[in-house]
Every structure is written in structure tokens, then in C-alpha cells.
Amino acid sequence: MCILYKSVGGVYSADPKICPEACLIKEIGYEEMMEMGSQGAKVVHPRAVTLAQRYGVEILVTNESNYPKGTLIH
């Protein structure tokens, strides 16, 4: 597993800085995350997700105050 500590603490349905109603996505597939990255989501680079998928590495996007909660990419 790869743990990414980000200021937002996970992957959200929209940018939480712009849209306060954005919801935390608890789990998301590699393909969906790559699609979000190609559409402009800057949480995880699509190439990193591609490599994680190829080698079977799950990615947890969280922050120090939220760990172990966050978004699991698998």
C-alpha cells in the first residue's frame, strides 16, 4: 500500500475549496481515478495510478489528522 498525505485528506466529488458541499469518496477504482485525473483532479497523477494498478498497489489518500480514514484507490 502507498499512503499519500494530502492537505484535503482524500478524494472528493468536487474541489472542497470551491464547493463546500463536496463529498468524500471512501473508495474508488483505478480506472475512475485515472479518469478524474485526466479531467483535471490534481489529487493523484494519472501515471501514478496506472503504475499502482499495474503492480497491484492500493493507494490511500489521507492526511495526518484523518488517518486511517480517507480514500482508498484500488
Protein backbone atom coordinates (compact mmCIF):
# COMPACT_ATOMS: atom_id res chain seq x y z
CA MET A 1 0.00 0.00 0.00
CA CYS A 2 1.09 3.54 -0.76
CA ILE A 3 -0.13 6.25 1.61
CA LEU A 4 -0.34 9.79 0.26
CA TYR A 5 -0.74 12.52 2.83
CA LYS A 6 -2.53 15.47 1.25
CA SER A 7 -3.99 18.64 2.73
CA VAL A 8 -7.52 17.71 1.61
CA GLY A 9 -7.42 14.27 3.27
CA GLY A 10 -8.96 12.29 0.42
CA VAL A 11 -10.61 12.39 -2.97
CA TYR A 12 -13.79 14.44 -3.11
CA SER A 13 -16.67 14.61 -5.58
CA ALA A 14 -15.62 18.22 -6.33
CA ASP A 15 -12.96 20.66 -5.16
CA PRO A 16 -13.85 21.22 -1.48
CA LYS A 17 -12.22 24.67 -1.59
CA ILE A 18 -14.70 25.77 -4.26
CA CYS A 19 -17.70 23.58 -3.45
CA PRO A 20 -18.35 23.20 0.30
CA GLU A 21 -20.99 20.51 -0.44
CA ALA A 22 -18.35 18.17 -1.91
CA CYS A 23 -18.48 14.64 -0.50
CA LEU A 24 -15.53 12.45 0.42
CA ILE A 25 -15.26 9.37 -1.78
CA LYS A 26 -14.31 6.48 0.54
CA GLU A 27 -13.33 4.02 -2.21
CA ILE A 28 -12.67 4.42 -5.91
CA GLY A 29 -11.31 2.17 -8.64
CA TYR A 30 -8.08 2.77 -10.52
CA GLU A 31 -9.91 3.46 -13.79
CA GLU A 32 -12.23 6.02 -12.22
CA MET A 33 -9.33 7.77 -10.53
CA MET A 34 -7.37 7.92 -13.79
CA GLU A 35 -10.43 9.43 -15.48
CA MET A 36 -10.79 12.06 -12.74
CA GLY A 37 -7.08 12.87 -13.09
CA SER A 38 -7.35 13.25 -16.84
CA GLN A 39 -10.30 15.62 -16.27
CA GLY A 40 -8.25 17.88 -14.01
CA ALA A 41 -8.34 16.40 -10.50
CA LYS A 42 -4.91 17.09 -9.03
CA VAL A 43 -5.03 14.76 -6.01
CA VAL A 44 -3.12 11.88 -7.66
CA HIS A 45 -1.35 11.99 -11.03
CA PRO A 46 -2.92 9.53 -13.52
CA ARG A 47 0.50 7.99 -14.26
CA ALA A 48 0.94 7.11 -10.57
CA VAL A 49 -2.46 5.42 -10.60
CA THR A 50 -1.51 3.48 -13.75
CA LEU A 51 1.65 2.17 -12.10
CA ALA A 52 -0.20 1.28 -8.90
CA GLN A 53 -2.75 -0.68 -10.91
CA ARG A 54 -0.07 -2.48 -12.92
CA TYR A 55 1.72 -3.66 -9.76
CA GLY A 56 -1.35 -4.19 -7.58
CA VAL A 57 -0.58 -1.41 -5.10
CA GLU A 58 -3.50 0.19 -3.29
CA ILE A 59 -3.28 3.94 -2.67
CA LEU A 60 -4.68 5.58 0.44
CA VAL A 61 -5.16 9.34 0.17
CA THR A 62 -5.44 10.88 3.63
CA ASN A 63 -3.91 13.49 5.94
CA GLU A 64 -2.30 13.27 9.37
CA SER A 65 -5.42 14.30 11.27
CA ASN A 66 -7.68 11.97 9.26
CA TYR A 67 -5.51 8.80 9.11
CA PRO A 68 -6.51 5.96 8.62
CA LYS A 69 -9.67 7.43 7.07
CA GLY A 70 -9.56 8.92 3.60
CA THR A 71 -9.96 7.49 0.10
CA LEU A 72 -8.78 4.03 -0.88
CA ILE A 73 -7.89 3.65 -4.55
CA HIS A 74 -7.93 0.01 -5.66
